[in-house]
Amino acid sequence: AGVGGTLLGASLCDPPRTAVGIEINPRWVEIYYQVLKQHPELIPGTMHLGDCRKVMAEMQDNSFDFIATDPPYNLQLKRTMCTGKESPFTNRHTDYNMLSEEEGDIANLESYEEYLTAMGEVFEQCLRILKPGGYMTVILRNAYQGGRYIFTHADLARVAGGINDGN
C-alpha cells in the first residue's frame, strides 16, 4: 500500500469505494495516517501492517472484486533505464531506497529468482482472495542492469500464468 495513495483515491470516488491496503513498512503506514489526520473529510480505508503473503493468508477466499498491487518493482536494483554514464538520459535512474528492516520485505531479497518466487506466492494469495470474474492490476517497471534489459513484466506474467494453470 505504500503511503496509501490507492486507499485515499478510493475514498475520493463518488460514491466512495471500500479499500484495503497492506504495507510491510511502518514508516509508510504512519504517513498514510498522518494524511488522514490532515484531511478528516477522507474516509479511511483498512490498512494492514505486515507481510502481504501472511496478511492475505488470513483473508477469506473470493472476497475481493479488484486487486491493484504495486509490489517492489524489482529487487533494489541500482538503476532502471540508464547506462550510468553522464548523458541526457541520466535522469532515468533512481536513488530511492525501498529497503527496510522488515522481515519478509520482498525488496530485500538477494536474487531476482527469489523475487520471482516471492511474487509467485503473492499471486497465489491474490488469486485465492479474488472473486471469480474479478480483476487484478500489477503496477511495475522493467530495468536495465549490467548492459541488459530485465523484462520484469514478462517474467511476472509467466509466474502468474503458471499459477493460473496450476503449475
C-alpha atoms as a PDB file:
ATOM      1  CA  ALA A   1       0.000   0.000   0.000  1.00  0.00           C
ATOM      2  CA  GLY A   2       2.956   2.333   0.400  1.00  0.00           C
ATOM      3  CA  VAL A   3       1.660   5.616   1.816  1.00  0.00           C
ATOM      4  CA  GLY A   4      -1.917   4.612   0.963  1.00  0.00           C
ATOM      5  CA  GLY A   5      -2.448   6.546  -2.264  1.00  0.00           C
ATOM      6  CA  THR A   6      -4.852   3.945  -3.626  1.00  0.00           C
ATOM      7  CA  LEU A   7      -6.838   3.934  -0.376  1.00  0.00           C
ATOM      8  CA  LEU A   8      -7.022   7.723  -0.481  1.00  0.00           C
ATOM      9  CA  GLY A   9      -8.132   7.616  -4.105  1.00  0.00           C
ATOM     10  CA  ALA A  10     -10.868   5.125  -3.248  1.00  0.00           C
ATOM     11  CA  SER A  11     -12.203   7.482  -0.591  1.00  0.00           C
ATOM     12  CA  LEU A  12     -12.419  10.294  -3.164  1.00  0.00           C
ATOM     13  CA  CYS A  13     -14.578   8.293  -5.585  1.00  0.00           C
ATOM     14  CA  ASP A  14     -18.244   9.152  -5.964  1.00  0.00           C
ATOM     15  CA  PRO A  15     -19.527   7.078  -4.334  1.00  0.00           C
ATOM     16  CA  PRO A  16     -16.508   6.222  -2.167  1.00  0.00           C
ATOM     17  CA  ARG A  17     -15.089   2.729  -2.593  1.00  0.00           C
ATOM     18  CA  THR A  18     -14.167   0.329   0.179  1.00  0.00           C
ATOM     19  CA  ALA A  19     -10.411  -0.266   0.043  1.00  0.00           C
ATOM     20  CA  VAL A  20      -7.931  -2.452   1.891  1.00  0.00           C
ATOM     21  CA  GLY A  21      -4.187  -1.869   1.877  1.00  0.00           C
ATOM     22  CA  ILE A  22      -1.256  -3.943   3.053  1.00  0.00           C
ATOM     23  CA  GLU A  23       2.142  -2.409   3.761  1.00  0.00           C
ATOM     24  CA  ILE A  24       5.153  -4.005   5.430  1.00  0.00           C
ATOM     25  CA  ASN A  25       6.985  -0.789   6.285  1.00  0.00           C
ATOM     26  CA  PRO A  26       5.545   1.002   9.344  1.00  0.00           C
ATOM     27  CA  ARG A  27       7.074   4.284   8.138  1.00  0.00           C
ATOM     28  CA  TRP A  28       4.766   4.349   5.104  1.00  0.00           C
ATOM     29  CA  VAL A  29       1.721   3.336   7.157  1.00  0.00           C
ATOM     30  CA  GLU A  30       2.344   6.214   9.541  1.00  0.00           C
ATOM     31  CA  ILE A  31       2.410   8.662   6.618  1.00  0.00           C
ATOM     32  CA  TYR A  32      -0.992   7.342   5.498  1.00  0.00           C
ATOM     33  CA  TYR A  33      -2.446   8.006   8.943  1.00  0.00           C
ATOM     34  CA  GLN A  34      -0.868  11.482   9.023  1.00  0.00           C
ATOM     35  CA  VAL A  35      -2.612  12.338   5.751  1.00  0.00           C
ATOM     36  CA  LEU A  36      -5.931  11.122   7.187  1.00  0.00           C
ATOM     37  CA  LYS A  37      -5.442  13.355  10.238  1.00  0.00           C
ATOM     38  CA  GLN A  38      -4.747  16.337   7.982  1.00  0.00           C
ATOM     39  CA  HIS A  39      -7.827  15.580   5.867  1.00  0.00           C
ATOM     40  CA  PRO A  40     -10.659  14.420   8.152  1.00  0.00           C
ATOM     41  CA  GLU A  41     -13.087  14.567   5.208  1.00  0.00           C
ATOM     42  CA  LEU A  42     -11.437  11.441   3.761  1.00  0.00           C
ATOM     43  CA  ILE A  43     -12.972   8.058   4.534  1.00  0.00           C
ATOM     44  CA  PRO A  44     -10.249   5.800   5.914  1.00  0.00           C
ATOM     45  CA  GLY A  45      -9.581   2.514   4.223  1.00  0.00           C
ATOM     46  CA  THR A  46      -8.451  -0.542   6.130  1.00  0.00           C
ATOM     47  CA  MET A  47      -4.652  -0.530   6.355  1.00  0.00           C
ATOM     48  CA  HIS A  48      -2.862  -3.706   7.430  1.00  0.00           C
ATOM     49  CA  LEU A  49       0.748  -3.595   8.596  1.00  0.00           C
ATOM     50  CA  GLY A  50       2.670  -6.736   7.680  1.00  0.00           C
ATOM     51  CA  ASP A  51       3.945  -9.095   5.003  1.00  0.00           C
ATOM     52  CA  CYS A  52       1.195  -9.238   2.382  1.00  0.00           C
ATOM     53  CA  ARG A  53       1.665 -13.002   1.970  1.00  0.00           C
ATOM     54  CA  LYS A  54       0.822 -13.521   5.637  1.00  0.00           C
ATOM     55  CA  VAL A  55      -1.920 -10.896   5.816  1.00  0.00           C
ATOM     56  CA  MET A  56      -3.695 -12.241   2.719  1.00  0.00           C
ATOM     57  CA  ALA A  57      -3.440 -15.795   4.071  1.00  0.00           C
ATOM     58  CA  GLU A  58      -5.871 -14.691   6.806  1.00  0.00           C
ATOM     59  CA  MET A  59      -8.396 -13.245   4.336  1.00  0.00           C
ATOM     60  CA  GLN A  60     -11.442 -15.103   3.063  1.00  0.00           C
ATOM     61  CA  ASP A  61     -11.437 -16.805  -0.323  1.00  0.00           C
ATOM     62  CA  ASN A  62     -13.219 -14.956  -3.126  1.00  0.00           C
ATOM     63  CA  SER A  63     -13.630 -11.750  -1.122  1.00  0.00           C
ATOM     64  CA  PHE A  64     -12.310  -9.005  -3.462  1.00  0.00           C
ATOM     65  CA  ASP A  65     -13.677  -7.698  -6.754  1.00  0.00           C
ATOM     66  CA  PHE A  66     -10.479  -5.925  -7.770  1.00  0.00           C
ATOM     67  CA  ILE A  67      -6.854  -6.014  -6.660  1.00  0.00           C
ATOM     68  CA  ALA A  68      -4.355  -3.287  -7.525  1.00  0.00           C
ATOM     69  CA  THR A  69      -0.876  -4.272  -6.460  1.00  0.00           C
ATOM     70  CA  ASP A  70       2.240  -2.149  -6.623  1.00  0.00           C
ATOM     71  CA  PRO A  71       4.912  -4.580  -5.466  1.00  0.00           C
ATOM     72  CA  PRO A  72       8.589  -3.755  -5.227  1.00  0.00           C
ATOM     73  CA  TYR A  73       9.307  -3.104  -8.877  1.00  0.00           C
ATOM     74  CA  ASN A  74      12.327  -5.371  -8.780  1.00  0.00           C
ATOM     75  CA  LEU A  75      14.899  -6.117  -6.224  1.00  0.00           C
ATOM     76  CA  GLN A  76      16.556  -2.933  -5.109  1.00  0.00           C
ATOM     77  CA  LEU A  77      18.233  -2.508  -8.499  1.00  0.00           C
ATOM     78  CA  LYS A  78      20.549   0.469  -8.604  1.00  0.00           C
ATOM     79  CA  ARG A  79      19.443   1.791 -11.971  1.00  0.00           C
ATOM     80  CA  THR A  80      16.436   1.416 -14.194  1.00  0.00           C
ATOM     81  CA  MET A  81      16.932   2.735 -17.719  1.00  0.00           C
ATOM     82  CA  CYS A  82      20.401   4.250 -17.965  1.00  0.00           C
ATOM     83  CA  THR A  83      23.994   3.298 -18.712  1.00  0.00           C
ATOM     84  CA  GLY A  84      25.420   5.010 -15.643  1.00  0.00           C
ATOM     85  CA  LYS A  85      27.389   7.439 -17.809  1.00  0.00           C
ATOM     86  CA  GLU A  86      26.581  11.135 -17.990  1.00  0.00           C
ATOM     87  CA  SER A  87      24.110  11.640 -20.792  1.00  0.00           C
ATOM     88  CA  PRO A  88      20.814  13.418 -21.479  1.00  0.00           C
ATOM     89  CA  PHE A  89      19.129  10.321 -20.002  1.00  0.00           C
ATOM     90  CA  THR A  90      20.862  10.202 -16.601  1.00  0.00           C
ATOM     91  CA  ASN A  91      17.607  11.303 -15.009  1.00  0.00           C
ATOM     92  CA  ARG A  92      16.326   7.794 -15.729  1.00  0.00           C
ATOM     93  CA  HIS A  93      17.855   6.372 -12.596  1.00  0.00           C
ATOM     94  CA  THR A  94      16.711   6.441  -9.040  1.00  0.00           C
ATOM     95  CA  ASP A  95      18.358   6.699  -5.678  1.00  0.00           C
ATOM     96  CA  TYR A  96      15.030   5.959  -3.996  1.00  0.00           C
ATOM     97  CA  ASN A  97      15.664   3.385  -1.293  1.00  0.00           C
ATOM     98  CA  MET A  98      12.919   0.780  -0.919  1.00  0.00           C
ATOM     99  CA  LEU A  99      14.913  -1.310   1.535  1.00  0.00           C
ATOM    100  CA  SER A 100      13.609  -1.746   5.039  1.00  0.00           C
ATOM    101  CA  GLU A 101      14.500  -3.629   8.177  1.00  0.00           C
ATOM    102  CA  GLU A 102      11.265  -5.619   7.983  1.00  0.00           C
ATOM    103  CA  GLU A 103      11.456  -9.397   7.874  1.00  0.00           C
ATOM    104  CA  GLY A 104       9.654 -10.646   4.786  1.00  0.00           C
ATOM    105  CA  ASP A 105      10.159  -7.452   2.776  1.00  0.00           C
ATOM    106  CA  ILE A 106      10.347  -8.631  -0.832  1.00  0.00           C
ATOM    107  CA  ALA A 107      12.523  -5.647  -1.784  1.00  0.00           C
ATOM    108  CA  ASN A 108      15.288  -7.039   0.449  1.00  0.00           C
ATOM    109  CA  LEU A 109      15.678 -10.392  -1.315  1.00  0.00           C
ATOM    110  CA  GLU A 110      19.132 -11.434  -2.526  1.00  0.00           C
ATOM    111  CA  SER A 111      18.375 -12.518  -6.083  1.00  0.00           C
ATOM    112  CA  TYR A 112      15.961 -11.929  -8.921  1.00  0.00           C
ATOM    113  CA  GLU A 113      14.959 -15.603  -8.796  1.00  0.00           C
ATOM    114  CA  GLU A 114      13.989 -15.222  -5.126  1.00  0.00           C
ATOM    115  CA  TYR A 115      11.994 -12.140  -6.084  1.00  0.00           C
ATOM    116  CA  LEU A 116      10.073 -14.071  -8.757  1.00  0.00           C
ATOM    117  CA  THR A 117       9.384 -16.916  -6.310  1.00  0.00           C
ATOM    118  CA  ALA A 118       8.104 -14.487  -3.659  1.00  0.00           C
ATOM    119  CA  MET A 119       5.909 -12.749  -6.212  1.00  0.00           C
ATOM    120  CA  GLY A 120       4.509 -16.168  -7.151  1.00  0.00           C
ATOM    121  CA  GLU A 121       3.471 -16.578  -3.504  1.00  0.00           C
ATOM    122  CA  VAL A 122       1.831 -13.136  -3.626  1.00  0.00           C
ATOM    123  CA  PHE A 123      -0.023 -14.019  -6.839  1.00  0.00           C
ATOM    124  CA  GLU A 124      -1.245 -17.318  -5.340  1.00  0.00           C
ATOM    125  CA  GLN A 125      -2.842 -15.435  -2.454  1.00  0.00           C
ATOM    126  CA  CYS A 126      -4.272 -12.785  -4.790  1.00  0.00           C
ATOM    127  CA  LEU A 127      -5.884 -15.447  -6.965  1.00  0.00           C
ATOM    128  CA  ARG A 128      -7.361 -17.122  -3.881  1.00  0.00           C
ATOM    129  CA  ILE A 129      -8.942 -13.966  -2.456  1.00  0.00           C
ATOM    130  CA  LEU A 130     -10.092 -12.566  -5.807  1.00  0.00           C
ATOM    131  CA  LYS A 131     -13.713 -13.278  -6.685  1.00  0.00           C
ATOM    132  CA  PRO A 132     -14.350 -15.334  -9.820  1.00  0.00           C
ATOM    133  CA  GLY A 133     -14.511 -12.881 -12.709  1.00  0.00           C
ATOM    134  CA  GLY A 134     -12.608 -10.275 -10.685  1.00  0.00           C
ATOM    135  CA  TYR A 135      -9.682  -8.246 -11.966  1.00  0.00           C
ATOM    136  CA  MET A 136      -6.135  -7.566 -10.867  1.00  0.00           C
ATOM    137  CA  THR A 137      -3.724  -4.837 -11.926  1.00  0.00           C
ATOM    138  CA  VAL A 138       0.011  -5.133 -11.293  1.00  0.00           C
ATOM    139  CA  ILE A 139       1.989  -1.890 -11.399  1.00  0.00           C
ATOM    140  CA  LEU A 140       5.671  -2.440 -12.117  1.00  0.00           C
ATOM    141  CA  ARG A 141       8.638  -1.388 -14.188  1.00  0.00           C
ATOM    142  CA  ASN A 142      11.363  -3.063 -16.158  1.00  0.00           C
ATOM    143  CA  ALA A 143      15.020  -2.343 -15.530  1.00  0.00           C
ATOM    144  CA  TYR A 144      18.339  -2.034 -17.299  1.00  0.00           C
ATOM    145  CA  GLN A 145      21.197  -3.677 -15.412  1.00  0.00           C
ATOM    146  CA  GLY A 146      24.682  -4.704 -16.435  1.00  0.00           C
ATOM    147  CA  GLY A 147      24.119  -3.822 -20.079  1.00  0.00           C
ATOM    148  CA  ARG A 148      20.883  -5.756 -20.494  1.00  0.00           C
ATOM    149  CA  TYR A 149      17.175  -5.278 -20.048  1.00  0.00           C
ATOM    150  CA  ILE A 150      15.310  -7.139 -17.343  1.00  0.00           C
ATOM    151  CA  PHE A 151      11.727  -7.547 -18.541  1.00  0.00           C
ATOM    152  CA  THR A 152      10.067  -7.864 -15.167  1.00  0.00           C
ATOM    153  CA  HIS A 153       6.608  -7.515 -16.713  1.00  0.00           C
ATOM    154  CA  ALA A 154       7.149 -10.620 -18.854  1.00  0.00           C
ATOM    155  CA  ASP A 155       8.766 -12.621 -16.045  1.00  0.00           C
ATOM    156  CA  LEU A 156       5.917 -11.855 -13.632  1.00  0.00           C
ATOM    157  CA  ALA A 157       3.302 -12.601 -16.303  1.00  0.00           C
ATOM    158  CA  ARG A 158       4.950 -16.012 -16.757  1.00  0.00           C
ATOM    159  CA  VAL A 159       4.915 -16.604 -12.989  1.00  0.00           C
ATOM    160  CA  ALA A 160       1.254 -15.572 -12.706  1.00  0.00           C
ATOM    161  CA  GLY A 161       0.299 -17.668 -15.727  1.00  0.00           C
ATOM    162  CA  GLY A 162       1.856 -20.738 -14.149  1.00  0.00           C
ATOM    163  CA  ILE A 163      -0.238 -20.226 -11.017  1.00  0.00           C
ATOM    164  CA  ASN A 164      -3.406 -19.825 -13.028  1.00  0.00           C
ATOM    165  CA  ASP A 165      -2.548 -23.034 -14.911  1.00  0.00           C
ATOM    166  CA  GLY A 166      -1.957 -24.837 -11.625  1.00  0.00           C
ATOM    167  CA  ASN A 167       1.818 -25.164 -12.205  1.00  0.00           C
END
